[in-house]
Amino acid sequence: MTGLQTNHQPVSAFTAAETAAMDTALEAALQGPRGANPLVGAVVVGPDGSQLATGYHRGAGTAHAEADAIAVAVSAGVDLHGSTMVVTLEPCNHVGRTGPCAQAIIDAGIANVVYAVDDPHDPAAGGAATLRAAGVSVRSGLAAERALELNRRWFQAVDAKRPFVTLHIAQTMDSRIAAEDGTSQWISSPESLADNHGIRSRIDAILVGTQTVLVDNPRLTARDANGDATGKQPLRAVMGLRDVPEDAAVRGDDGKVLHLPTRDPHEALAMLFTAGTRHVMVEGGSKILSAFLGEGLVDELIVYLAPTLLGSGTPALNGLGIGTLAEAQRWEWDAASGGAVQFLGRDLRLHLLPEAAAVPQDPRATAQPTSRQSASTQSTSTDSLPARTAAGTAMGGY
């Protein structure tokens, strides 16, 4: 991977207080949602080594972790002059939905910044240089491997210039998404449905196949318990070669529908990326779910598991091209975004992400593996730290 490489300091360059603060920042980052932006945590450390304030990023359009920590400190009447900001990602240097964190740090009088890894977005990167130019001491590389692993799939999506992909399955205990007669409303509990609509309100796009549109005629909007549209609405993407009927509910009346005339998940994501989508949730039927899982394109998996048995009906998946146990996809429980397992009414909400190197690679990719793709290895070398590339996002990065 080409680009600017930051000079990172050896572990001995960091104090015990800074190391402890980075541990806190990494834990705080897990409270945020995965998606278009990375998980980021920040801690302000006083001259005496005490942790003065902790912040984290709550998703696109909300305060960044550094600004959140500063706000917490200011609301508590804490003087930040001479303090140290410890953050899991390089402070941003751009004006997007929120202001640049580098300038917020300067304005707060913070004297030192310690961060784990570079921001990979060219539009957002450069915060470290801005801070240094203003006289702030900046060091990087503390807990870099852990910070890379925290956002491993986000980094991969950025490198591939595709949206971050969340895949959602609502199923019975025997992995059915519909009964034999096609009925499926509702397998999930009201609490699961509400959780799903909450996700819809923060993603950029929701994707289903043309078969789902023709059979179920879904609206694909974010709605409240009364069924009324609420909050930010996602782009409604329909993938498949068949046309979307003019009277399909998915068309709505706001123009936020996009037909993706392809059966190739890679092509669909490329079209969405070109349209400005940086976080898409894949729903729909077995074919669509299996296609994205089979290509290793799912960055986050959310399963709503209902305590129900059908015995027959439509399976959640219809084949991933796996012929033997040795080829099985392996997934990890994800502690971010509310935790790996939650009770939602009668249902279980399971939250997972792919194991490193556990999913197939795009056979068309010719680039060599990036350092971030091997970030889960426990090495003390700085060779595995990220370099910047002109990936770009709709928001200009984190």
Protein backbone atom coordinates (compact mmCIF):
# COMPACT_ATOMS: atom_id res chain seq x y z
CA MET A 1 0.00 0.00 0.00
CA THR A 2 1.43 3.34 -0.97
CA GLY A 3 1.18 6.71 0.72
CA LEU A 4 2.54 8.77 3.58
CA GLN A 5 3.89 6.71 6.47
CA THR A 6 3.93 8.25 9.93
CA ASN A 7 7.02 7.89 12.11
CA HIS A 8 5.79 5.98 15.14
CA GLN A 9 7.55 5.92 18.50
CA PRO A 10 8.72 2.79 20.33
CA VAL A 11 6.62 1.59 23.26
CA SER A 12 9.17 3.07 25.70
CA ALA A 13 8.25 6.55 24.44
CA PHE A 14 4.88 6.38 26.21
CA THR A 15 4.18 6.77 29.92
CA ALA A 16 2.22 4.35 32.07
CA ALA A 17 -0.54 6.95 32.35
CA GLU A 18 -0.75 7.28 28.56
CA THR A 19 -0.85 3.52 28.14
CA ALA A 20 -3.64 3.23 30.70
CA ALA A 21 -5.53 6.05 28.98
CA MET A 22 -5.25 4.28 25.62
CA ASP A 23 -6.73 1.16 27.21
CA THR A 24 -9.66 3.29 28.38
CA ALA A 25 -10.01 4.94 24.96
CA LEU A 26 -10.12 1.59 23.17
CA GLU A 27 -12.83 0.36 25.54
CA ALA A 28 -14.80 3.58 25.11
CA ALA A 29 -14.62 3.29 21.33
CA LEU A 30 -16.56 0.02 21.51
CA GLN A 31 -19.63 1.92 22.71
CA GLY A 32 -20.08 3.49 19.29
CA PRO A 33 -21.80 1.93 16.28
CA ARG A 34 -19.95 0.38 13.38
CA GLY A 35 -20.62 1.85 9.98
CA ALA A 36 -19.48 4.64 7.68
CA ASN A 37 -17.14 6.00 10.35
CA PRO A 38 -14.61 4.10 12.45
CA LEU A 39 -14.94 3.36 16.14
CA VAL A 40 -12.88 5.97 18.00
CA GLY A 41 -12.29 6.69 21.67
CA ALA A 42 -10.40 9.52 23.37
CA VAL A 43 -9.21 10.29 26.90
CA VAL A 44 -7.82 13.55 28.30
CA VAL A 45 -4.99 13.00 30.80
CA GLY A 46 -3.94 15.64 33.32
CA PRO A 47 -0.30 16.61 34.01
CA ASP A 48 -0.43 14.36 37.08
CA GLY A 49 -1.46 11.34 34.97
CA SER A 50 -5.11 11.31 36.07
CA GLN A 51 -7.82 10.68 33.47
CA LEU A 52 -9.88 13.87 33.29
CA ALA A 53 -12.49 13.01 30.65
CA THR A 54 -13.43 10.23 28.23
CA GLY A 55 -15.27 10.51 24.92
CA TYR A 56 -16.22 8.33 22.00
CA HIS A 57 -17.77 8.71 18.55
CA ARG A 58 -21.48 7.87 18.34
CA GLY A 59 -21.70 7.64 14.56
CA ALA A 60 -21.74 9.78 11.42
CA GLY A 61 -22.86 13.34 12.06
CA THR A 62 -22.20 13.25 15.81
CA ALA A 63 -19.29 14.74 17.75
CA HIS A 64 -15.97 13.04 17.18
CA ALA A 65 -14.33 11.31 20.13
CA GLU A 66 -11.88 14.15 20.79
CA ALA A 67 -14.61 16.79 20.72
CA ASP A 68 -16.79 14.59 22.93
CA ALA A 69 -14.02 14.24 25.53
CA ILE A 70 -13.36 17.98 25.46
CA ALA A 71 -17.07 18.70 25.93
CA VAL A 72 -17.22 16.34 28.90
CA ALA A 73 -14.25 18.10 30.48
CA VAL A 74 -15.61 21.59 29.83
CA SER A 75 -19.02 20.70 31.26
CA ALA A 76 -17.26 19.53 34.43
CA GLY A 77 -15.28 22.78 34.65
CA VAL A 78 -11.93 21.09 33.96
CA ASP A 79 -9.08 23.29 32.69
CA LEU A 80 -7.43 21.41 29.82
CA HIS A 81 -4.38 23.64 29.37
CA GLY A 82 -1.22 21.56 29.53
CA SER A 83 -3.09 18.25 29.36
CA THR A 84 -2.60 15.28 27.00
CA MET A 85 -5.17 13.90 24.56
CA VAL A 86 -4.89 10.13 24.02
CA VAL A 87 -6.95 8.93 21.05
CA THR A 88 -7.26 5.71 19.05
CA LEU A 89 -7.11 7.43 15.63
CA GLU A 90 -5.24 10.47 14.34
CA PRO A 91 -7.34 13.61 14.96
CA CYS A 92 -9.08 14.71 11.79
CA ASN A 93 -8.16 17.86 9.91
CA HIS A 94 -11.26 18.56 7.83
CA VAL A 95 -14.64 20.23 8.03
CA GLY A 96 -17.37 17.70 7.34
CA ARG A 97 -20.59 17.33 9.30
CA THR A 98 -18.52 18.42 12.30
CA GLY A 99 -15.47 20.66 12.71
CA PRO A 100 -11.83 19.54 12.61
CA CYS A 101 -10.70 17.83 15.80
CA ALA A 102 -7.14 19.11 15.42
CA GLN A 103 -8.36 22.69 15.76
CA ALA A 104 -10.63 21.80 18.70
CA ILE A 105 -7.60 20.34 20.50
CA ILE A 106 -5.57 23.47 19.81
CA ASP A 107 -8.38 25.75 20.96
CA ALA A 108 -8.77 23.76 24.20
CA GLY A 109 -5.12 24.39 25.12
CA ILE A 110 -4.17 20.71 25.09
CA ALA A 111 -0.37 20.50 24.96
CA ASN A 112 0.24 16.88 23.92
CA VAL A 113 -1.47 14.34 21.68
CA VAL A 114 -0.83 10.60 21.60
CA TYR A 115 -2.69 8.58 18.97
CA ALA A 116 -2.59 4.97 17.84
CA VAL A 117 -2.85 4.95 14.04
CA ASP A 118 -3.04 7.36 11.11
CA ASP A 119 -6.37 8.37 9.62
CA PRO A 120 -6.38 6.64 6.20
CA HIS A 121 -8.55 9.26 4.48
CA ASP A 122 -6.72 11.98 2.61
CA PRO A 123 -9.52 14.52 3.23
CA ALA A 124 -9.42 13.91 6.99
CA ALA A 125 -5.72 13.17 7.40
CA GLY A 126 -3.07 15.69 8.28
CA GLY A 127 -4.31 16.43 11.77
CA ALA A 128 -0.95 15.50 13.26
CA ALA A 129 0.86 18.01 11.04
CA THR A 130 -1.62 20.75 11.93
CA LEU A 131 -1.14 20.06 15.62
CA ARG A 132 2.64 20.11 15.36
CA ALA A 133 2.53 23.38 13.41
CA ALA A 134 0.57 24.89 16.31
CA GLY A 135 3.19 23.78 18.82
CA VAL A 136 1.39 20.67 20.12
CA SER A 137 3.63 17.69 20.87
CA VAL A 138 2.41 14.69 18.85
CA ARG A 139 3.41 11.04 19.18
CA SER A 140 1.83 8.00 17.55
CA GLY A 141 1.92 4.22 17.52
CA LEU A 142 0.69 3.46 21.05
CA ALA A 143 -1.42 0.25 20.98
CA ALA A 144 -1.42 0.48 17.19
CA GLU A 145 -2.14 -3.20 16.59
CA ARG A 146 -5.18 -3.14 18.89
CA ALA A 147 -6.47 0.02 17.26
CA LEU A 148 -6.10 -1.53 13.82
CA GLU A 149 -7.93 -4.67 14.90
CA LEU A 150 -10.72 -2.57 16.41
CA ASN A 151 -11.57 -1.21 12.94
CA ARG A 152 -10.08 -3.97 10.79
CA ARG A 153 -13.08 -4.36 8.51
CA TRP A 154 -13.62 -0.60 8.25
CA PHE A 155 -10.02 -0.18 7.11
CA GLN A 156 -10.53 -2.94 4.54
CA ALA A 157 -13.67 -1.27 3.18
CA VAL A 158 -11.80 2.03 2.91
CA ASP A 159 -8.92 0.36 1.10
CA ALA A 160 -11.33 -1.33 -1.33
CA LYS A 161 -13.23 1.93 -1.92
CA ARG A 162 -16.55 0.29 -1.17
CA PRO A 163 -19.25 0.87 1.45
CA PHE A 164 -19.04 -0.74 4.87
CA VAL A 165 -21.51 -3.66 4.72
CA THR A 166 -23.86 -4.66 7.53
CA LEU A 167 -25.91 -7.78 6.83
CA HIS A 168 -29.13 -8.42 8.77
CA ILE A 169 -30.93 -11.74 9.16
CA ALA A 170 -34.18 -12.25 11.07
CA GLN A 171 -34.64 -15.98 11.51
CA THR A 172 -36.07 -18.82 13.56
CA MET A 173 -33.97 -21.21 15.65
CA ASP A 174 -33.87 -23.58 12.68
CA SER A 175 -32.61 -20.80 10.39
CA ARG A 176 -35.85 -20.11 8.52
CA ILE A 177 -36.74 -16.63 7.31
CA ALA A 178 -40.23 -17.59 6.12
CA ALA A 179 -42.70 -20.44 6.55
CA GLU A 180 -43.51 -22.95 3.83
CA ASP A 181 -46.41 -20.78 2.63
CA GLY A 182 -44.13 -17.72 2.40
CA THR A 183 -45.39 -15.91 5.50
CA SER A 184 -42.73 -14.12 7.54
CA GLN A 185 -44.46 -11.20 9.30
CA TRP A 186 -43.39 -11.25 11.93
CA ILE A 187 -40.74 -13.78 12.90
CA SER A 188 -38.96 -11.11 14.96
CA SER A 189 -40.17 -9.49 18.16
CA PRO A 190 -41.34 -5.84 18.19
CA GLU A 191 -38.12 -4.99 20.02
CA SER A 192 -36.02 -6.54 17.25
CA LEU A 193 -38.00 -4.68 14.63
CA ALA A 194 -37.43 -1.41 16.50
CA ASP A 195 -33.71 -2.12 16.70
CA ASN A 196 -33.58 -2.79 12.98
CA HIS A 197 -35.38 0.46 12.20
CA GLY A 198 -32.92 2.28 14.44
CA ILE A 199 -30.11 0.96 12.26
CA ARG A 200 -32.02 2.00 9.14
CA SER A 201 -32.11 5.58 10.44
CA ARG A 202 -28.30 5.84 10.53
CA ILE A 203 -27.18 3.91 7.45
CA ASP A 204 -26.74 5.45 4.01
CA ALA A 205 -28.54 2.73 2.07
CA ILE A 206 -30.52 -0.47 2.48
CA LEU A 207 -30.24 -3.18 -0.19
CA VAL A 208 -32.59 -5.99 -1.21
CA GLY A 209 -33.02 -8.06 -4.34
CA THR A 210 -35.69 -7.64 -6.99
CA GLN A 211 -37.30 -10.91 -5.84
CA THR A 212 -37.95 -9.44 -2.40
CA VAL A 213 -39.49 -6.35 -3.98
CA LEU A 214 -41.75 -8.43 -6.23
CA VAL A 215 -42.84 -10.87 -3.50
CA ASP A 216 -42.92 -8.79 -0.31
CA ASN A 217 -43.30 -5.26 -1.71
CA PRO A 218 -41.41 -3.68 1.22
CA ARG A 219 -41.12 0.05 1.89
CA LEU A 220 -37.55 -0.21 3.28
CA THR A 221 -37.98 2.99 5.27
CA ALA A 222 -36.99 3.78 8.85
CA ARG A 223 -40.21 3.79 10.88
CA ASP A 224 -41.36 4.16 14.48
CA ALA A 225 -43.57 1.78 16.47
CA ASN A 226 -46.66 3.23 14.81
CA GLY A 227 -45.30 2.54 11.34
CA ASP A 228 -44.66 6.19 10.53
CA ALA A 229 -41.47 7.25 8.74
CA THR A 230 -39.06 8.87 11.17
CA GLY A 231 -35.65 10.49 11.13
CA LYS A 232 -33.10 10.17 8.37
CA GLN A 233 -34.18 7.86 5.58
CA PRO A 234 -31.74 5.56 3.76
CA LEU A 235 -31.37 5.24 0.03
CA ARG A 236 -33.42 2.22 -1.05
CA ALA A 237 -31.31 0.05 -3.37
CA VAL A 238 -32.75 -2.84 -5.37
CA MET A 239 -30.25 -5.29 -6.86
CA GLY A 240 -31.13 -7.48 -9.84
CA LEU A 241 -31.70 -7.53 -13.58
CA ARG A 242 -35.49 -7.27 -13.48
CA ASP A 243 -37.06 -3.83 -13.48
CA VAL A 244 -38.57 -2.37 -10.33
CA PRO A 245 -42.33 -2.00 -10.91
CA GLU A 246 -43.55 1.57 -11.13
CA ASP A 247 -46.08 0.95 -8.35
CA ALA A 248 -43.60 -0.80 -6.01
CA ALA A 249 -43.74 0.52 -2.45
CA VAL A 250 -39.96 0.82 -2.45
CA ARG A 251 -40.17 3.69 -4.92
CA GLY A 252 -41.85 5.89 -2.32
CA ASP A 253 -42.39 9.54 -3.13
CA ASP A 254 -39.01 11.03 -2.21
CA GLY A 255 -36.93 9.79 -5.16
CA LYS A 256 -34.51 7.95 -2.85
CA VAL A 257 -34.51 4.65 -4.75
CA LEU A 258 -31.72 3.23 -6.88
CA HIS A 259 -31.94 0.20 -9.17
CA LEU A 260 -28.65 -1.74 -9.35
CA PRO A 261 -28.96 -3.78 -12.59
CA THR A 262 -26.49 -6.51 -11.64
CA ARG A 263 -26.28 -9.82 -9.82
CA ASP A 264 -22.66 -9.23 -8.83
CA PRO A 265 -22.29 -7.97 -5.22
CA HIS A 266 -18.95 -6.31 -6.07
CA GLU A 267 -20.56 -4.35 -8.90
CA ALA A 268 -23.50 -3.41 -6.69
CA LEU A 269 -21.19 -2.02 -4.01
CA ALA A 270 -19.20 -0.10 -6.64
CA MET A 271 -22.40 1.51 -7.89
CA LEU A 272 -23.43 2.43 -4.37
CA PHE A 273 -20.01 3.88 -3.59
CA THR A 274 -20.19 6.03 -6.72
CA ALA A 275 -23.62 7.21 -5.56
CA GLY A 276 -22.09 8.36 -2.25
CA THR A 277 -23.05 5.41 -0.04
CA ARG A 278 -20.52 4.59 2.65
CA HIS A 279 -22.63 2.26 4.82
CA VAL A 280 -25.16 -0.17 3.41
CA MET A 281 -27.32 -2.72 5.19
CA VAL A 282 -28.13 -5.83 3.16
CA GLU A 283 -31.50 -7.46 3.83
CA GLY A 284 -33.66 -9.47 1.49
CA GLY A 285 -33.88 -13.14 0.68
CA SER A 286 -31.58 -16.12 0.76
CA LYS A 287 -29.94 -15.44 -2.59
CA ILE A 288 -28.89 -11.88 -1.75
CA LEU A 289 -27.72 -12.78 1.76
CA SER A 290 -25.75 -15.76 0.45
CA ALA A 291 -24.22 -13.77 -2.40
CA PHE A 292 -22.69 -11.14 -0.12
CA LEU A 293 -21.59 -13.65 2.51
CA GLY A 294 -20.12 -15.95 -0.12
CA GLU A 295 -17.99 -13.15 -1.56
CA GLY A 296 -16.61 -12.18 1.85
CA LEU A 297 -18.10 -8.70 1.61
CA VAL A 298 -19.94 -8.61 4.93
CA ASP A 299 -18.19 -6.48 7.55
CA GLU A 300 -20.80 -6.76 10.29
CA LEU A 301 -23.42 -9.46 10.82
CA ILE A 302 -26.56 -8.92 12.90
CA VAL A 303 -28.84 -11.90 13.49
CA TYR A 304 -32.20 -11.59 15.22
CA LEU A 305 -32.86 -15.11 16.50
CA ALA A 306 -36.48 -15.82 17.41
CA PRO A 307 -37.36 -18.68 19.81
CA THR A 308 -39.47 -20.27 17.09
CA LEU A 309 -39.29 -23.49 15.08
CA LEU A 310 -40.81 -24.00 11.64
CA GLY A 311 -39.24 -27.26 10.50
CA SER A 312 -39.61 -26.27 6.87
CA GLY A 313 -39.81 -23.11 4.83
CA THR A 314 -37.29 -20.70 3.35
CA PRO A 315 -33.75 -21.10 4.74
CA ALA A 316 -31.78 -17.97 5.62
CA LEU A 317 -28.95 -19.06 3.32
CA ASN A 318 -28.95 -21.24 0.22
CA GLY A 319 -25.28 -22.08 -0.17
CA LEU A 320 -21.95 -20.33 0.30
CA GLY A 321 -19.86 -22.56 -1.93
CA ILE A 322 -18.55 -24.47 1.07
CA GLY A 323 -18.04 -28.21 0.62
CA THR A 324 -16.16 -29.20 3.75
CA LEU A 325 -15.82 -28.04 7.34
CA ALA A 326 -12.28 -26.86 6.68
CA GLU A 327 -13.72 -24.24 4.30
CA ALA A 328 -16.28 -22.93 6.78
CA GLN A 329 -16.53 -19.22 7.42
CA ARG A 330 -15.52 -18.38 10.97
CA TRP A 331 -16.94 -15.38 12.80
CA GLU A 332 -16.07 -13.55 16.00
CA TRP A 333 -18.42 -12.15 18.62
CA ASP A 334 -18.34 -8.36 18.35
CA ALA A 335 -18.40 -6.40 21.61
CA ALA A 336 -19.04 -3.09 19.82
CA SER A 337 -22.37 -1.37 19.22
CA GLY A 338 -24.23 -2.76 22.20
CA GLY A 339 -22.37 -6.03 22.63
CA ALA A 340 -22.18 -9.48 21.09
CA VAL A 341 -25.44 -10.82 22.52
CA GLN A 342 -28.52 -8.93 23.67
CA PHE A 343 -32.07 -9.87 24.62
CA LEU A 344 -34.60 -7.94 22.54
CA GLY A 345 -37.97 -8.99 23.87
CA ARG A 346 -38.16 -12.73 23.23
CA ASP A 347 -35.36 -12.63 20.66
CA LEU A 348 -31.61 -12.83 20.87
CA ARG A 349 -29.64 -10.23 18.93
CA LEU A 350 -26.33 -11.72 17.80
CA HIS A 351 -23.60 -9.33 16.67
CA LEU A 352 -20.55 -10.68 14.82
CA LEU A 353 -17.69 -9.76 12.52
CA PRO A 354 -15.57 -12.03 10.32
CA GLU A 355 -12.45 -13.58 11.72
CA ALA A 356 -9.30 -12.16 10.17
CA ALA A 357 -8.60 -13.97 6.87
CA ALA A 358 -11.63 -16.18 7.49
CA VAL A 359 -13.59 -15.03 4.44
CA PRO A 360 -12.75 -15.46 0.74
CA GLN A 361 -10.89 -12.71 -1.08
CA ASP A 362 -12.13 -11.12 -4.29
CA PRO A 363 -10.35 -13.20 -6.97
CA ARG A 364 -10.24 -10.13 -9.23
CA ALA A 365 -8.12 -8.17 -6.76
CA THR A 366 -4.54 -7.75 -7.94
CA ALA A 367 -3.19 -5.51 -5.18
CA GLN A 368 -0.89 -7.00 -2.58
CA PRO A 369 -2.36 -7.42 0.92
CA THR A 370 -2.09 -4.21 2.92
CA SER A 371 -0.44 -3.99 6.28
CA ARG A 372 -3.84 -3.46 7.86
CA GLN A 373 -5.08 -6.83 6.64
CA SER A 374 -2.50 -8.52 8.85
CA ALA A 375 -3.07 -6.17 11.77
CA SER A 376 -4.32 -8.90 14.06
CA THR A 377 -0.86 -10.44 14.27
CA GLN A 378 0.86 -9.73 17.56
CA SER A 379 3.99 -7.99 16.32
CA THR A 380 5.86 -5.14 17.94
CA SER A 381 7.17 -3.95 14.60
CA THR A 382 5.82 -0.72 13.15
CA ASP A 383 5.85 -2.29 9.66
CA SER A 384 2.17 -3.19 10.08
CA LEU A 385 1.03 0.38 10.73
CA PRO A 386 -1.26 1.98 8.16
CA ALA A 387 -0.33 4.29 5.36
CA ARG A 388 -2.66 6.85 3.83
CA THR A 389 -4.38 6.43 0.53
CA ALA A 390 -6.87 8.57 -1.35
CA ALA A 391 -9.93 6.55 -0.37
CA GLY A 392 -12.39 9.37 0.31
CA THR A 393 -15.85 9.09 1.78
CA ALA A 394 -19.08 10.97 1.45
CA MET A 395 -18.27 12.81 4.67
CA GLY A 396 -14.59 13.22 3.84
CA GLY A 397 -13.64 10.57 6.40
CA TYR A 398 -14.26 10.17 10.11
